[in-house]
Protein backbone atom coordinates (compact mmCIF):
# COMPACT_ATOMS: atom_id res chain seq x y z
CA MET A 1 -80.03 81.17 54.27
CA THR A 2 -76.58 79.73 53.62
CA GLN A 3 -76.72 75.95 53.68
CA ARG A 4 -74.50 74.51 56.39
CA VAL A 5 -72.48 71.37 55.72
CA LEU A 6 -70.26 69.23 57.92
CA VAL A 7 -66.94 67.81 56.71
CA THR A 8 -64.99 65.14 58.59
CA GLY A 9 -61.35 64.53 57.76
CA ALA A 10 -60.83 68.23 57.07
CA THR A 11 -57.18 68.25 58.13
CA GLY A 12 -56.40 65.61 55.50
CA PHE A 13 -55.54 66.21 51.85
CA THR A 14 -58.93 65.50 50.30
CA GLY A 15 -61.02 66.90 53.15
CA GLY A 16 -59.05 70.15 53.24
CA HIS A 17 -59.47 70.76 49.51
CA LEU A 18 -63.16 69.93 49.74
CA CYS A 19 -63.69 72.44 52.58
CA LEU A 20 -62.06 75.27 50.67
CA ARG A 21 -64.06 74.58 47.52
CA LEU A 22 -67.34 74.43 49.46
CA ALA A 23 -66.51 77.68 51.25
CA GLU A 24 -65.72 79.33 47.90
CA ARG A 25 -69.15 78.27 46.67
CA GLY A 26 -70.84 80.00 49.57
CA TYR A 27 -71.63 77.07 51.86
CA GLY A 28 -71.38 77.44 55.61
CA VAL A 29 -68.70 74.84 56.29
CA ARG A 30 -68.24 73.22 59.70
CA VAL A 31 -65.45 70.74 60.34
CA LEU A 32 -65.04 68.12 63.04
CA VAL A 33 -61.37 67.91 64.05
CA ARG A 34 -59.43 66.56 66.99
CA SER A 35 -56.87 69.37 66.82
CA PRO A 36 -58.18 72.89 66.06
CA GLU A 37 -54.56 74.03 65.58
CA LYS A 38 -54.27 71.80 62.50
CA ALA A 39 -57.38 73.45 61.06
CA ALA A 40 -56.18 77.03 61.68
CA SER A 41 -55.69 77.73 57.96
CA LEU A 42 -59.29 76.65 57.31
CA ALA A 43 -60.56 78.92 60.07
CA THR A 44 -58.94 81.91 58.35
CA ARG A 45 -61.03 81.07 55.28
CA GLY A 46 -64.30 81.26 57.19
CA VAL A 47 -64.64 77.58 58.08
CA GLU A 48 -66.23 76.84 61.47
CA VAL A 49 -63.94 74.57 63.48
CA PHE A 50 -65.62 72.19 65.93
CA GLN A 51 -63.34 70.21 68.22
CA GLY A 52 -64.33 66.58 68.65
CA ASP A 53 -63.53 63.00 67.77
CA LEU A 54 -65.29 60.48 65.54
CA LYS A 55 -64.81 57.94 68.29
CA ASP A 56 -66.94 60.08 70.62
CA SER A 57 -70.56 59.80 69.53
CA GLY A 58 -71.57 62.82 71.62
CA SER A 59 -69.20 65.23 69.90
CA VAL A 60 -70.20 63.90 66.49
CA MET A 61 -73.85 64.48 67.35
CA LYS A 62 -73.21 68.08 68.40
CA ALA A 63 -71.14 68.81 65.30
CA SER A 64 -73.92 67.44 63.08
CA GLU A 65 -76.68 69.67 64.46
CA GLY A 66 -78.08 72.01 61.83
CA CYS A 67 -76.05 70.54 58.96
CA ALA A 68 -77.98 69.72 55.79
CA THR A 69 -75.19 67.66 54.22
CA VAL A 70 -72.47 65.57 55.81
CA TYR A 71 -69.32 64.83 53.80
CA HIS A 72 -67.68 61.96 55.66
CA ILE A 73 -64.09 61.89 54.44
CA ALA A 74 -62.21 60.97 57.62
CA ALA A 75 -60.47 57.60 57.88
CA THR A 76 -57.44 55.96 59.39
CA TYR A 77 -55.26 55.32 56.37
CA ARG A 78 -52.35 52.92 55.89
CA GLN A 79 -50.06 54.32 58.55
CA GLU A 80 -47.36 52.05 59.86
CA GLY A 81 -47.42 51.25 63.55
CA VAL A 82 -51.14 51.97 63.97
CA PRO A 83 -52.90 49.33 66.11
CA ASP A 84 -55.47 47.21 64.30
CA GLN A 85 -58.17 48.42 66.67
CA GLU A 86 -57.63 52.02 65.55
CA PHE A 87 -58.71 51.12 62.01
CA ARG A 88 -61.91 49.60 63.37
CA ASP A 89 -62.56 52.44 65.82
CA VAL A 90 -62.33 55.11 63.12
CA ASN A 91 -63.27 53.46 59.83
CA VAL A 92 -66.15 51.42 61.21
CA ARG A 93 -67.30 52.69 64.61
CA GLY A 94 -66.54 56.32 63.73
CA THR A 95 -68.50 55.95 60.50
CA GLN A 96 -71.46 54.56 62.43
CA HIS A 97 -71.33 57.53 64.79
CA ALA A 98 -71.40 59.92 61.82
CA LEU A 99 -74.27 58.05 60.17
CA GLU A 100 -76.35 57.88 63.33
CA ALA A 101 -75.79 61.57 64.06
CA ALA A 102 -76.81 62.54 60.52
CA LEU A 103 -79.95 60.41 60.79
CA ARG A 104 -80.98 61.82 64.17
CA CYS A 105 -80.19 65.41 63.20
CA GLY A 106 -82.26 65.17 60.02
CA ALA A 107 -79.48 65.61 57.47
CA GLU A 108 -80.73 65.83 53.91
CA ARG A 109 -77.74 63.95 52.52
CA PHE A 110 -74.77 61.89 53.73
CA VAL A 111 -71.84 61.57 51.30
CA HIS A 112 -69.59 58.69 52.31
CA CYS A 113 -66.01 58.34 51.10
CA SER A 114 -65.09 54.71 50.54
CA THR A 115 -62.24 53.50 48.29
CA VAL A 116 -61.78 51.42 45.15
CA GLY A 117 -59.59 49.31 47.42
CA VAL A 118 -62.74 47.48 48.52
CA HIS A 119 -62.47 45.66 45.17
CA GLY A 120 -58.85 44.61 45.72
CA HIS A 121 -57.09 43.23 42.66
CA ILE A 122 -59.08 43.73 39.46
CA SER A 123 -59.11 40.46 37.54
CA HIS A 124 -60.84 41.85 34.45
CA PRO A 125 -60.00 45.54 34.12
CA PRO A 126 -61.53 48.02 34.01
CA ALA A 127 -63.92 47.38 36.90
CA ASP A 128 -67.14 49.24 37.54
CA GLU A 129 -69.21 49.65 40.69
CA THR A 130 -70.64 46.12 40.40
CA ALA A 131 -67.25 44.39 40.57
CA PRO A 132 -66.97 41.89 43.45
CA TYR A 133 -65.51 42.91 46.77
CA GLY A 134 -62.00 41.69 47.48
CA PRO A 135 -60.23 43.79 50.16
CA GLY A 136 -56.59 42.89 50.59
CA ASP A 137 -55.60 44.43 53.93
CA LEU A 138 -57.07 45.74 57.17
CA TYR A 139 -57.51 49.27 55.82
CA GLN A 140 -59.55 48.00 52.87
CA GLU A 141 -61.47 45.56 55.05
CA THR A 142 -62.53 48.27 57.51
CA LYS A 143 -63.37 50.69 54.69
CA LEU A 144 -65.60 47.97 53.25
CA GLU A 145 -67.32 47.53 56.62
CA GLY A 146 -67.85 51.29 56.76
CA GLU A 147 -69.27 51.34 53.24
CA LYS A 148 -71.69 48.53 54.04
CA LEU A 149 -72.83 50.39 57.15
CA ALA A 150 -73.51 53.48 55.06
CA LEU A 151 -75.51 51.49 52.52
CA GLU A 152 -77.54 49.93 55.36
CA TYR A 153 -78.42 53.37 56.70
CA PHE A 154 -79.40 54.52 53.21
CA ARG A 155 -81.47 51.50 52.19
CA VAL A 156 -82.89 50.32 55.49
CA LYS A 157 -82.99 53.30 57.83
CA GLY A 158 -83.93 55.90 55.26
CA LEU A 159 -80.95 58.26 55.51
CA PRO A 160 -80.53 59.94 52.09
CA GLY A 161 -76.99 59.24 50.98
CA VAL A 162 -74.32 58.49 48.41
CA VAL A 163 -71.14 56.40 48.43
CA PHE A 164 -68.16 57.33 46.29
CA ARG A 165 -65.02 55.28 45.75
CA PRO A 166 -61.99 57.35 44.69
CA THR A 167 -59.07 55.91 42.78
CA GLY A 168 -55.46 56.86 43.69
CA ILE A 169 -55.58 60.48 44.86
CA TYR A 170 -52.69 62.82 44.10
CA GLY A 171 -51.74 66.43 43.45
CA PRO A 172 -49.82 69.37 44.95
CA GLY A 173 -49.95 69.22 48.73
CA ASP A 174 -49.95 65.44 48.98
CA THR A 175 -46.82 63.39 49.66
CA ARG A 176 -48.00 59.82 49.18
CA PHE A 177 -46.10 59.57 45.89
CA LEU A 178 -43.06 61.56 47.04
CA LYS A 179 -40.91 58.49 47.66
CA LEU A 180 -41.58 57.25 44.12
CA PHE A 181 -40.63 60.63 42.64
CA ARG A 182 -37.46 60.76 44.73
CA HIS A 183 -36.36 57.27 43.70
CA ILE A 184 -36.94 58.06 40.04
CA LYS A 185 -35.09 61.38 40.22
CA SER A 186 -32.10 59.80 41.97
CA ARG A 187 -32.08 57.02 39.34
CA ARG A 188 -32.41 54.43 42.12
CA PHE A 189 -35.81 53.19 40.98
CA HIS A 190 -36.06 49.65 39.64
CA MET A 191 -39.38 48.18 38.57
CA ILE A 192 -40.51 45.17 40.58
CA GLY A 193 -42.27 42.74 38.28
CA SER A 194 -43.20 43.47 34.68
CA GLY A 195 -44.60 46.97 35.24
CA GLY A 196 -47.53 46.05 33.05
CA VAL A 197 -50.18 46.27 35.76
CA TYR A 198 -52.61 49.17 35.65
CA TYR A 199 -52.86 52.09 38.06
CA HIS A 200 -55.67 54.63 38.07
CA LEU A 201 -54.99 58.13 39.37
CA THR A 202 -57.43 60.92 40.18
CA TYR A 203 -56.22 64.51 40.45
CA ILE A 204 -57.42 66.27 43.60
CA ASP A 205 -59.33 69.06 41.81
CA ASP A 206 -61.23 66.56 39.68
CA LEU A 207 -62.01 64.44 42.73
CA VAL A 208 -63.44 67.42 44.63
CA ASP A 209 -65.63 68.21 41.62
CA GLY A 210 -66.98 64.67 41.79
CA ILE A 211 -67.55 64.75 45.54
CA ILE A 212 -69.60 67.94 45.28
CA LEU A 213 -71.65 66.40 42.48
CA CYS A 214 -72.37 63.50 44.85
CA GLY A 215 -73.48 66.02 47.43
CA THR A 216 -75.74 68.07 45.17
CA LYS A 217 -77.12 65.98 42.31
CA LYS A 218 -80.56 64.49 42.98
CA GLU A 219 -79.69 61.51 40.75
CA ALA A 220 -76.87 60.54 43.09
CA LEU A 221 -79.04 59.54 46.05
CA GLY A 222 -78.83 55.87 46.93
CA ASN A 223 -76.02 55.20 44.48
CA ILE A 224 -72.34 54.22 44.48
CA TYR A 225 -69.88 55.98 42.17
CA ILE A 226 -66.27 55.35 41.24
CA LEU A 227 -64.45 58.68 40.84
CA GLY A 228 -61.19 58.58 38.94
CA GLY A 229 -59.18 60.25 36.23
CA GLU A 230 -60.11 60.03 32.58
CA ASN A 231 -57.51 57.36 31.86
CA TYR A 232 -55.58 54.68 33.69
CA VAL A 233 -51.98 53.80 32.83
CA THR A 234 -49.53 50.96 33.36
CA LEU A 235 -46.87 51.38 36.01
CA ASN A 236 -44.29 51.44 33.21
CA GLU A 237 -46.10 54.38 31.61
CA MET A 238 -46.46 56.18 34.93
CA VAL A 239 -42.77 55.81 35.81
CA ARG A 240 -41.67 56.80 32.33
CA THR A 241 -43.85 59.93 32.46
CA ILE A 242 -42.45 60.98 35.85
CA ALA A 243 -38.89 60.41 34.60
CA GLU A 244 -39.54 62.56 31.53
CA ILE A 245 -41.00 65.34 33.69
CA LEU A 246 -37.97 65.20 35.98
CA GLY A 247 -35.57 65.02 33.05
CA VAL A 248 -33.89 61.76 34.04
CA GLY A 249 -33.46 58.33 32.55
CA ILE A 250 -34.86 55.14 34.03
CA SER A 251 -33.29 51.76 34.58
CA ARG A 252 -34.33 48.93 32.31
CA VAL A 253 -33.55 46.40 35.04
CA LYS A 254 -36.65 44.70 36.41
CA ILE A 255 -36.59 42.85 39.72
CA PRO A 256 -38.62 39.62 39.94
CA PHE A 257 -41.74 40.14 42.04
CA TRP A 258 -42.02 36.97 44.12
CA PRO A 259 -38.57 37.03 45.79
CA VAL A 260 -39.26 40.61 46.94
CA TYR A 261 -42.71 39.64 48.20
CA ALA A 262 -41.20 36.69 50.10
CA ALA A 263 -38.58 38.98 51.62
CA ALA A 264 -41.36 41.33 52.76
CA PHE A 265 -43.18 38.42 54.38
CA VAL A 266 -40.04 37.42 56.29
CA CYS A 267 -39.41 41.02 57.37
CA GLU A 268 -42.91 41.33 58.80
CA LYS A 269 -42.71 38.01 60.65
CA LEU A 270 -39.34 38.82 62.20
CA CYS A 271 -39.80 42.50 63.01
CA LYS A 272 -43.37 42.93 64.22
CA PRO A 273 -43.22 40.56 67.24
CA ILE A 274 -40.28 42.52 68.68
CA GLY A 275 -41.70 45.95 67.90
CA ILE A 276 -39.33 46.89 65.09
CA GLU A 277 -40.64 48.67 62.00
CA PRO A 278 -40.19 46.25 59.05
CA PRO A 279 -38.08 47.75 56.24
CA LEU A 280 -40.40 46.09 53.70
CA TYR A 281 -44.15 45.38 53.71
CA ARG A 282 -46.12 43.00 51.51
CA ARG A 283 -48.82 45.59 50.89
CA ARG A 284 -46.21 47.98 49.51
CA VAL A 285 -44.85 45.31 47.21
CA ASP A 286 -48.42 44.55 46.08
CA PHE A 287 -48.39 47.96 44.40
CA PHE A 288 -46.37 46.26 41.65
CA ARG A 289 -48.66 43.26 41.28
CA LYS A 290 -52.32 44.27 41.51
CA ASP A 291 -54.28 45.75 38.63
CA ARG A 292 -56.21 48.89 39.56
CA ALA A 293 -58.13 50.09 36.51
CA PHE A 294 -61.68 51.38 36.76
CA ASP A 295 -64.63 52.45 34.65
CA ILE A 296 -65.99 55.91 35.56
CA SER A 297 -68.79 55.91 32.97
CA LYS A 298 -71.56 55.70 35.60
CA ALA A 299 -70.38 58.92 37.27
CA ARG A 300 -70.03 60.55 33.85
CA ARG A 301 -73.50 59.51 32.76
CA GLU A 302 -75.48 60.17 35.95
CA LEU A 303 -73.55 63.00 37.60
CA GLY A 304 -71.95 64.77 34.67
CA PHE A 305 -68.54 64.00 36.21
CA ASP A 306 -65.88 65.23 33.79
CA PRO A 307 -62.25 64.93 34.96
CA LYS A 308 -60.14 67.56 33.24
CA VAL A 309 -56.57 67.04 34.45
CA GLY A 310 -54.74 64.34 32.51
CA VAL A 311 -52.08 62.10 34.01
CA ARG A 312 -49.10 63.94 32.52
CA GLU A 313 -50.36 67.36 33.53
CA GLY A 314 -51.29 66.18 37.03
CA LEU A 315 -47.92 64.51 37.57
CA LYS A 316 -46.13 67.64 36.34
CA ARG A 317 -48.06 69.87 38.73
CA THR A 318 -47.25 67.46 41.55
CA ALA A 319 -43.54 67.36 40.64
CA ASP A 320 -43.42 71.16 40.41
CA TRP A 321 -44.93 71.45 43.89
CA TYR A 322 -42.46 68.92 45.33
CA SER A 323 -39.62 70.99 43.83
CA GLU A 324 -41.01 74.29 45.12
CA GLN A 325 -41.21 72.82 48.62
CA GLY A 326 -37.63 71.57 48.41
CA LEU A 327 -38.76 67.96 48.65
CA LEU A 328 -37.04 66.72 45.49
């Protein structure tokens, strides 16, 4: 019989790619989505679409019935204007609903998507899975709560499971880095701070490979894995590479970090109480200050994780897709 798996977060970038890869490998893929219309393209590929909501324990339970593996990818990400409670309802309470349903329905494995953001700023890069927790915003805090819940279900309640923490996800189809590409192409980009901090990318195809290893390798059970690209780079290197791909020059002017961070603080304090979207956020400015470099050797050693798409190639594929879509 074809093994049936459940994927949450299927209408998102990572979840959608994971569904297609699992379907290609012959799994019976079921997805839990709030809007079936957004999953129409998955349905045409043979994916079973189940309408429900992570915040509704009953619908999660029904979606989980008969599924041997649950890939829990869904999360409320850093979207502006989202109430704080929504992060807790989805990233914590929704995760608990998924865990409880998997436990009661007898799932053979629960694969939980966390984030390297639970570590916050990395004081001594590169960091591995044992690095201390240090979440820096509500998204990271609630993802940490969700991760701890998953580990409790694995170690105390006996649910077989794995936690993976992806680094910065990118690739064709995702627009999280579009603004950066646009600023570089228009020659309006100026580095804030020194640009010497590290950033660790993971190309979507490599990440999906790692997720499926977490869902299939016996050695993975009970463990935590950081999944990232082969190498991390400084922001200066990343910006320079994008500029070269786009065929433009980059400004040598660097803007001091702390005045920009202070301006972001003032913007938030003035705008949020009156319901205006701040033009600048501290967490966005933190992109230029916090080191994010990680050690993926545990996933290499225990899972056979082997990322194949280098930073330059991945950024070029992403830039090409942006251009094809008329976004640049």
